[in-house]
Structures are given as structure tokens and as C-alpha cells.
PDB file of N, CA and C in Angstrom:
ATOM      1  N   MET A   1       0.809  -1.259  -0.075  1.00  0.00           N
ATOM      2  CA  MET A   1      -0.003  -0.210  -0.117  1.00  0.00           C
ATOM      3  C   MET A   1       0.810   1.200  -0.225  1.00  0.00           C
ATOM      4  N   ASN A   2       0.661   2.273  -0.914  1.00  0.00           N
ATOM      5  CA  ASN A   2       1.229   3.313  -0.899  1.00  0.00           C
ATOM      6  C   ASN A   2       1.098   4.042   0.535  1.00  0.00           C
ATOM      7  N   GLU A   3       2.356   4.583   0.908  1.00  0.00           N
ATOM      8  CA  GLU A   3       2.720   5.409   2.198  1.00  0.00           C
ATOM      9  C   GLU A   3       1.562   6.517   2.352  1.00  0.00           C
ATOM     10  N   ARG A   4       1.346   7.273   1.427  1.00  0.00           N
ATOM     11  CA  ARG A   4       0.454   8.280   1.521  1.00  0.00           C
ATOM     12  C   ARG A   4      -0.912   7.978   1.974  1.00  0.00           C
ATOM     13  N   ILE A   5      -1.301   6.800   1.166  1.00  0.00           N
ATOM     14  CA  ILE A   5      -2.576   6.271   1.802  1.00  0.00           C
ATOM     15  C   ILE A   5      -2.676   5.516   3.172  1.00  0.00           C
ATOM     16  N   ARG A   6      -1.493   4.990   3.509  1.00  0.00           N
ATOM     17  CA  ARG A   6      -1.650   4.419   5.008  1.00  0.00           C
ATOM     18  C   ARG A   6      -1.684   5.874   5.844  1.00  0.00           C
ATOM     19  N   GLU A   7      -1.181   7.026   5.643  1.00  0.00           N
ATOM     20  CA  GLU A   7      -0.984   7.851   6.346  1.00  0.00           C
ATOM     21  C   GLU A   7      -2.517   8.679   6.397  1.00  0.00           C
ATOM     22  N   LEU A   8      -3.140   8.601   5.281  1.00  0.00           N
ATOM     23  CA  LEU A   8      -4.760   9.032   5.380  1.00  0.00           C
ATOM     24  C   LEU A   8      -5.568   8.119   5.944  1.00  0.00           C
ATOM     25  N   ALA A   9      -5.068   6.792   5.983  1.00  0.00           N
ATOM     26  CA  ALA A   9      -5.946   5.818   6.671  1.00  0.00           C
ATOM     27  C   ALA A   9      -6.073   5.952   8.167  1.00  0.00           C
ATOM     28  N   VAL A  10      -4.920   6.322   8.780  1.00  0.00           N
ATOM     29  CA  VAL A  10      -4.609   6.563  10.157  1.00  0.00           C
ATOM     30  C   VAL A  10      -5.158   7.952  10.570  1.00  0.00           C
ATOM     31  N   LYS A  11      -5.076   8.857   9.629  1.00  0.00           N
ATOM     32  CA  LYS A  11      -5.862   9.991  10.013  1.00  0.00           C
ATOM     33  C   LYS A  11      -7.140  10.339  10.076  1.00  0.00           C
ATOM     34  N   SER A  12      -7.844   9.312   9.135  1.00  0.00           N
ATOM     35  CA  SER A  12      -9.274   9.430   9.212  1.00  0.00           C
ATOM     36  C   SER A  12      -9.976   8.302  10.207  1.00  0.00           C
ATOM     37  N   GLY A  13      -8.804   7.492  10.726  1.00  0.00           N
ATOM     38  CA  GLY A  13      -9.516   6.567  11.804  1.00  0.00           C
ATOM     39  C   GLY A  13      -9.993   5.659  11.396  1.00  0.00           C
ATOM     40  N   ILE A  14      -9.345   5.093  10.259  1.00  0.00           N
ATOM     41  CA  ILE A  14      -9.965   3.396   9.474  1.00  0.00           C
ATOM     42  C   ILE A  14      -8.947   2.688   9.886  1.00  0.00           C
ATOM     43  N   ALA A  15      -7.813   3.084  10.291  1.00  0.00           N
ATOM     44  CA  ALA A  15      -6.567   1.981  10.227  1.00  0.00           C
ATOM     45  C   ALA A  15      -5.602   2.650  11.804  1.00  0.00           C
ATOM     46  N   TYR A  16      -5.170   1.978  12.259  1.00  0.00           N
ATOM     47  CA  TYR A  16      -3.730   2.531  13.224  1.00  0.00           C
ATOM     48  C   TYR A  16      -2.345   1.715  12.788  1.00  0.00           C
ATOM     49  N   GLN A  17      -1.375   2.533  12.921  1.00  0.00           N
ATOM     50  CA  GLN A  17      -0.062   1.859  13.025  1.00  0.00           C
ATOM     51  C   GLN A  17       0.497   1.869  14.012  1.00  0.00           C
ATOM     52  N   SER A  18       0.709   0.388  14.578  1.00  0.00           N
ATOM     53  CA  SER A  18       1.311   0.196  15.848  1.00  0.00           C
ATOM     54  C   SER A  18       2.940   0.528  15.638  1.00  0.00           C
ATOM     55  N   LYS A  19       3.379   0.584  16.897  1.00  0.00           N
ATOM     56  CA  LYS A  19       4.995   0.492  16.804  1.00  0.00           C
ATOM     57  C   LYS A  19       5.726  -0.829  16.423  1.00  0.00           C
ATOM     58  N   GLN A  20       4.868  -1.793  16.859  1.00  0.00           N
ATOM     59  CA  GLN A  20       5.448  -3.134  16.816  1.00  0.00           C
ATOM     60  C   GLN A  20       5.085  -3.570  15.422  1.00  0.00           C
ATOM     61  N   GLN A  21       5.850  -4.449  14.723  1.00  0.00           N
ATOM     62  CA  GLN A  21       5.467  -5.079  13.648  1.00  0.00           C
ATOM     63  C   GLN A  21       5.313  -6.492  14.050  1.00  0.00           C
ATOM     64  N   ASP A  22       4.181  -7.166  13.459  1.00  0.00           N
ATOM     65  CA  ASP A  22       4.085  -8.628  13.424  1.00  0.00           C
ATOM     66  C   ASP A  22       3.434  -9.035  12.233  1.00  0.00           C
ATOM     67  N   HIS A  23       3.637 -10.452  11.991  1.00  0.00           N
ATOM     68  CA  HIS A  23       2.870 -10.762  10.791  1.00  0.00           C
ATOM     69  C   HIS A  23       1.644 -10.688  10.573  1.00  0.00           C
ATOM     70  N   ASP A  24       0.766 -10.505  11.541  1.00  0.00           N
ATOM     71  CA  ASP A  24      -0.566 -10.977  11.343  1.00  0.00           C
ATOM     72  C   ASP A  24      -1.211  -9.264  11.113  1.00  0.00           C
ATOM     73  N   THR A  25      -0.587  -8.268  11.203  1.00  0.00           N
ATOM     74  CA  THR A  25      -1.113  -6.955  11.061  1.00  0.00           C
ATOM     75  C   THR A  25      -0.436  -6.387   9.876  1.00  0.00           C
ATOM     76  N   ASN A  26      -0.014  -6.798   9.027  1.00  0.00           N
ATOM     77  CA  ASN A  26       0.832  -6.317   7.896  1.00  0.00           C
ATOM     78  C   ASN A  26       1.796  -5.234   8.414  1.00  0.00           C
ATOM     79  N   ASP A  27       2.525  -5.693   8.864  1.00  0.00           N
ATOM     80  CA  ASP A  27       3.909  -4.448   9.421  1.00  0.00           C
ATOM     81  C   ASP A  27       3.282  -3.661  10.073  1.00  0.00           C
ATOM     82  N   GLY A  28       2.521  -3.914  11.386  1.00  0.00           N
ATOM     83  CA  GLY A  28       2.110  -2.935  12.205  1.00  0.00           C
ATOM     84  C   GLY A  28       1.025  -2.134  11.665  1.00  0.00           C
ATOM     85  N   PHE A  29       0.500  -2.658  10.520  1.00  0.00           N
ATOM     86  CA  PHE A  29      -0.743  -1.814   9.987  1.00  0.00           C
ATOM     87  C   PHE A  29      -2.199  -2.280  10.315  1.00  0.00           C
ATOM     88  N   THR A  30      -3.020  -1.901  10.872  1.00  0.00           N
ATOM     89  CA  THR A  30      -4.265  -2.623  11.041  1.00  0.00           C
ATOM     90  C   THR A  30      -5.196  -1.949  10.774  1.00  0.00           C
ATOM     91  N   VAL A  31      -6.149  -2.383   9.803  1.00  0.00           N
ATOM     92  CA  VAL A  31      -7.476  -1.613   9.452  1.00  0.00           C
ATOM     93  C   VAL A  31      -8.562  -1.755  10.306  1.00  0.00           C
ATOM     94  N   ILE A  32      -9.163  -0.851  10.487  1.00  0.00           N
ATOM     95  CA  ILE A  32     -10.565  -1.022  11.663  1.00  0.00           C
ATOM     96  C   ILE A  32     -11.556  -0.078  10.712  1.00  0.00           C
ATOM     97  N   SER A  33     -12.756   0.038  10.760  1.00  0.00           N
ATOM     98  CA  SER A  33     -13.490   0.878   9.758  1.00  0.00           C
ATOM     99  C   SER A  33     -14.893   0.912  10.742  1.00  0.00           C
ATOM    100  N   SER A  34     -15.475   2.304  10.206  1.00  0.00           N
ATOM    101  CA  SER A  34     -16.659   2.423  10.437  1.00  0.00           C
ATOM    102  C   SER A  34     -17.461   3.340   9.365  1.00  0.00           C
ATOM    103  N   LYS A  35     -18.598   3.645   9.332  1.00  0.00           N
ATOM    104  CA  LYS A  35     -19.036   4.196   8.438  1.00  0.00           C
ATOM    105  C   LYS A  35     -18.333   5.879   8.202  1.00  0.00           C
ATOM    106  N   ASP A  36     -18.277   6.408   9.527  1.00  0.00           N
ATOM    107  CA  ASP A  36     -17.827   8.068   9.760  1.00  0.00           C
ATOM    108  C   ASP A  36     -16.263   7.700   8.893  1.00  0.00           C
ATOM    109  N   SER A  37     -15.843   6.705   9.569  1.00  0.00           N
ATOM    110  CA  SER A  37     -14.259   6.841   9.146  1.00  0.00           C
ATOM    111  C   SER A  37     -14.051   6.405   7.785  1.00  0.00           C
ATOM    112  N   LEU A  38     -15.206   5.823   7.252  1.00  0.00           N
ATOM    113  CA  LEU A  38     -14.486   5.552   5.719  1.00  0.00           C
ATOM    114  C   LEU A  38     -15.000   6.770   4.999  1.00  0.00           C
ATOM    115  N   GLU A  39     -16.128   7.310   5.332  1.00  0.00           N
ATOM    116  CA  GLU A  39     -16.515   8.691   4.878  1.00  0.00           C
ATOM    117  C   GLU A  39     -15.212   9.443   4.858  1.00  0.00           C
ATOM    118  N   LYS A  40     -14.279   9.921   5.981  1.00  0.00           N
ATOM    119  CA  LYS A  40     -13.404  10.923   6.332  1.00  0.00           C
ATOM    120  C   LYS A  40     -12.463  10.370   5.491  1.00  0.00           C
ATOM    121  N   PHE A  41     -11.856   8.974   5.536  1.00  0.00           N
ATOM    122  CA  PHE A  41     -10.978   8.410   4.353  1.00  0.00           C
ATOM    123  C   PHE A  41     -11.125   9.018   3.033  1.00  0.00           C
ATOM    124  N   ALA A  42     -12.433   8.682   2.543  1.00  0.00           N
ATOM    125  CA  ALA A  42     -12.660   8.928   1.119  1.00  0.00           C
ATOM    126  C   ALA A  42     -12.620  10.570   0.900  1.00  0.00           C
ATOM    127  N   GLU A  43     -13.119  11.459   1.920  1.00  0.00           N
ATOM    128  CA  GLU A  43     -13.216  12.819   1.865  1.00  0.00           C
ATOM    129  C   GLU A  43     -11.455  12.990   1.937  1.00  0.00           C
ATOM    130  N   LEU A  44     -10.546  12.514   2.692  1.00  0.00           N
ATOM    131  CA  LEU A  44      -9.021  12.916   2.646  1.00  0.00           C
ATOM    132  C   LEU A  44      -8.414  12.740   1.254  1.00  0.00           C
ATOM    133  N   ILE A  45      -9.062  11.686   0.471  1.00  0.00           N
ATOM    134  CA  ILE A  45      -8.189  11.447  -0.764  1.00  0.00           C
ATOM    135  C   ILE A  45      -8.878  12.444  -1.762  1.00  0.00           C
ATOM    136  N   VAL A  46     -10.245  12.811  -1.841  1.00  0.00           N
ATOM    137  CA  VAL A  46     -10.702  13.654  -2.405  1.00  0.00           C
ATOM    138  C   VAL A  46     -10.202  15.112  -2.379  1.00  0.00           C
ATOM    139  N   ARG A  47      -9.924  15.212  -1.315  1.00  0.00           N
ATOM    140  CA  ARG A  47      -9.527  16.959  -1.110  1.00  0.00           C
ATOM    141  C   ARG A  47      -7.796  16.647  -1.347  1.00  0.00           C
ATOM    142  N   GLU A  48      -7.130  15.710  -1.181  1.00  0.00           N
ATOM    143  CA  GLU A  48      -5.881  15.766  -1.728  1.00  0.00           C
ATOM    144  C   GLU A  48      -5.824  15.719  -3.327  1.00  0.00           C
ATOM    145  N   CYS A  49      -6.891  15.123  -3.887  1.00  0.00           N
ATOM    146  CA  CYS A  49      -7.073  15.115  -5.517  1.00  0.00           C
ATOM    147  C   CYS A  49      -7.020  16.497  -5.986  1.00  0.00           C
ATOM    148  N   ILE A  50      -7.969  17.358  -5.146  1.00  0.00           N
ATOM    149  CA  ILE A  50      -8.267  18.827  -5.466  1.00  0.00           C
ATOM    150  C   ILE A  50      -7.242  19.785  -5.272  1.00  0.00           C
ATOM    151  N   ASP A  51      -6.397  19.265  -4.291  1.00  0.00           N
ATOM    152  CA  ASP A  51      -5.011  20.259  -4.027  1.00  0.00           C
ATOM    153  C   ASP A  51      -4.059  20.055  -5.142  1.00  0.00           C
ATOM    154  N   ILE A  52      -4.001  18.712  -5.582  1.00  0.00           N
ATOM    155  CA  ILE A  52      -3.190  18.606  -6.997  1.00  0.00           C
ATOM    156  C   ILE A  52      -3.438  19.275  -8.054  1.00  0.00           C
ATOM    157  N   ALA A  53      -4.897  18.837  -8.086  1.00  0.00           N
ATOM    158  CA  ALA A  53      -5.349  19.870  -9.519  1.00  0.00           C
ATOM    159  C   ALA A  53      -5.437  21.486  -9.615  1.00  0.00           C
ATOM    160  N   GLY A  54      -5.937  21.489  -8.187  1.00  0.00           N
ATOM    161  CA  GLY A  54      -5.800  23.336  -8.373  1.00  0.00           C
ATOM    162  C   GLY A  54      -4.208  23.631  -8.427  1.00  0.00           C
ATOM    163  N   LYS A  55      -3.159  22.958  -8.085  1.00  0.00           N
ATOM    164  CA  LYS A  55      -1.793  23.454  -7.916  1.00  0.00           C
ATOM    165  C   LYS A  55      -1.523  23.377  -9.620  1.00  0.00           C
ATOM    166  N   GLU A  56      -2.232  22.387 -10.211  1.00  0.00           N
ATOM    167  CA  GLU A  56      -1.889  22.049 -11.572  1.00  0.00           C
ATOM    168  C   GLU A  56      -2.342  23.088 -12.616  1.00  0.00           C
ATOM    169  N   ASP A  57      -3.788  23.575 -12.102  1.00  0.00           N
ATOM    170  CA  ASP A  57      -4.392  24.747 -12.887  1.00  0.00           C
ATOM    171  C   ASP A  57      -3.537  25.844 -12.811  1.00  0.00           C
ATOM    172  N   PHE A  58      -3.126  26.371 -11.474  1.00  0.00           N
ATOM    173  CA  PHE A  58      -2.562  27.311 -10.998  1.00  0.00           C
ATOM    174  C   PHE A  58      -1.364  27.244 -12.086  1.00  0.00           C
ATOM    175  N   ASP A  59      -0.530  26.542 -12.207  1.00  0.00           N
ATOM    176  CA  ASP A  59       1.029  26.322 -12.479  1.00  0.00           C
ATOM    177  C   ASP A  59       0.571  26.610 -14.057  1.00  0.00           C
ATOM    178  N   VAL A  60      -0.592  26.061 -14.911  1.00  0.00           N
ATOM    179  CA  VAL A  60      -0.803  26.204 -16.415  1.00  0.00           C
ATOM    180  C   VAL A  60      -1.125  27.736 -16.466  1.00  0.00           C
ATOM    181  N   MET A  61      -2.087  28.164 -15.784  1.00  0.00           N
ATOM    182  CA  MET A  61      -2.638  29.492 -15.850  1.00  0.00           C
ATOM    183  C   MET A  61      -1.222  30.462 -15.539  1.00  0.00           C
ATOM    184  N   MET A  62      -0.349  30.394 -14.544  1.00  0.00           N
ATOM    185  CA  MET A  62       0.821  30.882 -14.633  1.00  0.00           C
ATOM    186  C   MET A  62       1.501  30.931 -16.012  1.00  0.00           C
ATOM    187  N   LYS A  63       2.006  29.729 -16.457  1.00  0.00           N
ATOM    188  CA  LYS A  63       2.722  29.539 -17.662  1.00  0.00           C
ATOM    189  C   LYS A  63       2.353  30.105 -18.852  1.00  0.00           C
ATOM    190  N   GLU A  64       0.960  29.606 -19.158  1.00  0.00           N
ATOM    191  CA  GLU A  64       0.016  30.077 -20.456  1.00  0.00           C
ATOM    192  C   GLU A  64      -0.503  31.503 -20.658  1.00  0.00           C
ATOM    193  N   GLY A  65      -0.636  31.913 -19.371  1.00  0.00           N
ATOM    194  CA  GLY A  65      -1.443  33.573 -19.171  1.00  0.00           C
ATOM    195  C   GLY A  65      -2.751  33.048 -19.316  1.00  0.00           C
ATOM    196  N   TYR A  66      -3.403  32.185 -19.189  1.00  0.00           N
ATOM    197  CA  TYR A  66      -5.160  32.261 -19.469  1.00  0.00           C
ATOM    198  C   TYR A  66      -5.544  31.558 -18.421  1.00  0.00           C
ATOM    199  N   PRO A  67      -7.178  31.838 -18.153  1.00  0.00           N
ATOM    200  CA  PRO A  67      -7.624  31.345 -16.949  1.00  0.00           C
ATOM    201  C   PRO A  67      -7.504  29.784 -17.124  1.00  0.00           C
ATOM    202  N   CYS A  68      -7.470  29.307 -15.754  1.00  0.00           N
ATOM    203  CA  CYS A  68      -7.327  27.815 -15.650  1.00  0.00           C
ATOM    204  C   CYS A  68      -9.172  26.887 -15.924  1.00  0.00           C
ATOM    205  N   SER A  69      -8.585  25.744 -15.703  1.00  0.00           N
ATOM    206  CA  SER A  69     -10.013  24.891 -16.369  1.00  0.00           C
ATOM    207  C   SER A  69     -10.830  24.756 -15.341  1.00  0.00           C
ATOM    208  N   GLN A  70     -10.229  25.161 -14.152  1.00  0.00           N
ATOM    209  CA  GLN A  70     -11.160  24.865 -12.671  1.00  0.00           C
ATOM    210  C   GLN A  70     -11.471  23.614 -12.337  1.00  0.00           C
ATOM    211  N   THR A  71     -10.424  22.544 -12.739  1.00  0.00           N
ATOM    212  CA  THR A  71     -10.499  21.271 -12.360  1.00  0.00           C
ATOM    213  C   THR A  71     -10.824  21.106 -10.974  1.00  0.00           C
ATOM    214  N   ALA A  72     -10.099  21.662  -9.993  1.00  0.00           N
ATOM    215  CA  ALA A  72     -10.218  21.368  -8.626  1.00  0.00           C
ATOM    216  C   ALA A  72     -11.672  21.939  -8.204  1.00  0.00           C
ATOM    217  N   LYS A  73     -12.532  22.876  -8.851  1.00  0.00           N
ATOM    218  CA  LYS A  73     -13.970  23.121  -8.476  1.00  0.00           C
ATOM    219  C   LYS A  73     -14.646  22.230  -9.157  1.00  0.00           C
ATOM    220  N   LYS A  74     -14.432  21.550 -10.053  1.00  0.00           N
ATOM    221  CA  LYS A  74     -15.328  20.429 -10.750  1.00  0.00           C
ATOM    222  C   LYS A  74     -15.373  19.013  -9.808  1.00  0.00           C
ATOM    223  N   ILE A  75     -14.039  18.882  -9.277  1.00  0.00           N
ATOM    224  CA  ILE A  75     -13.892  17.510  -8.586  1.00  0.00           C
ATOM    225  C   ILE A  75     -14.716  17.966  -6.985  1.00  0.00           C
ATOM    226  N   LYS A  76     -14.388  19.141  -6.718  1.00  0.00           N
ATOM    227  CA  LYS A  76     -15.416  19.473  -5.201  1.00  0.00           C
ATOM    228  C   LYS A  76     -16.954  19.379  -5.418  1.00  0.00           C
ATOM    229  N   GLU A  77     -17.329  19.739  -6.404  1.00  0.00           N
ATOM    230  CA  GLU A  77     -18.678  19.615  -7.207  1.00  0.00           C
ATOM    231  C   GLU A  77     -19.197  18.246  -7.261  1.00  0.00           C
ATOM    232  N   HIS A  78     -18.410  17.705  -7.796  1.00  0.00           N
ATOM    233  CA  HIS A  78     -18.457  16.279  -8.191  1.00  0.00           C
ATOM    234  C   HIS A  78     -18.824  15.181  -7.244  1.00  0.00           C
ATOM    235  N   PHE A  79     -17.767  15.692  -5.945  1.00  0.00           N
ATOM    236  CA  PHE A  79     -17.830  14.665  -4.696  1.00  0.00           C
ATOM    237  C   PHE A  79     -18.652  15.472  -3.205  1.00  0.00           C
ATOM    238  N   GLY A  80     -18.939  16.875  -3.791  1.00  0.00           N
ATOM    239  CA  GLY A  80     -19.721  16.951  -2.872  1.00  0.00           C
ATOM    240  C   GLY A  80     -18.968  17.828  -1.700  1.00  0.00           C
ATOM    241  N   VAL A  81     -17.614  18.143  -1.781  1.00  0.00           N
ATOM    242  CA  VAL A  81     -16.565  18.247  -0.911  1.00  0.00           C
ATOM    243  C   VAL A  81     -16.737  19.832  -0.720  1.00  0.00           C
ATOM    244  N   GLU A  82     -16.787  20.507   0.088  1.00  0.00           N
ATOM    245  CA  GLU A  82     -16.804  21.679   0.747  1.00  0.00           C
ATOM    246  C   GLU A  82     -15.752  22.646   0.313  1.00  0.00           C
TER     247      GLU A  82
END
């Protein structure tokens, strides 16, 4: 699993990383979940996509000198993220 995905899983509450590693918990990473924590996990991923898209749009706007495509705004609207 990607390290950033692990970090977001822990931050959202669907998983935890223990300091001790054992073979039963996938290198100390244990997934737990609830409806609220799964929603938070999904929201964190969407927010990261929005941040990336927003930066990309800004970079294009600055380089090309024209308004950006507002990809980040479209992602927010699609997923209902404020």
C-alpha cells in the first residue's frame, strides 16, 4: 500500500499503525472501519486530488497566461466536498 494512503487511513481513523510489527497486522498496520471513518478517508483522498488539481491549474494559468480549467472546482462539485 502507498505510504500516503496509509497516512490518510490513520488520519481518518480507519486504521492504526502500531510501533511493533508482526505478521498478523501487515507490518504493524491494522485496518478498522466505521461508516464515519470510511467517509472521512474518502474525503481526505478527494481533498488531496483537489489540491493537486488546483496546483496544476494554477501552474498552467501562470505559464500560459490564461484562466485555468477549474478542475479542482469540478472535483469538489462532483464529490460534494466544501
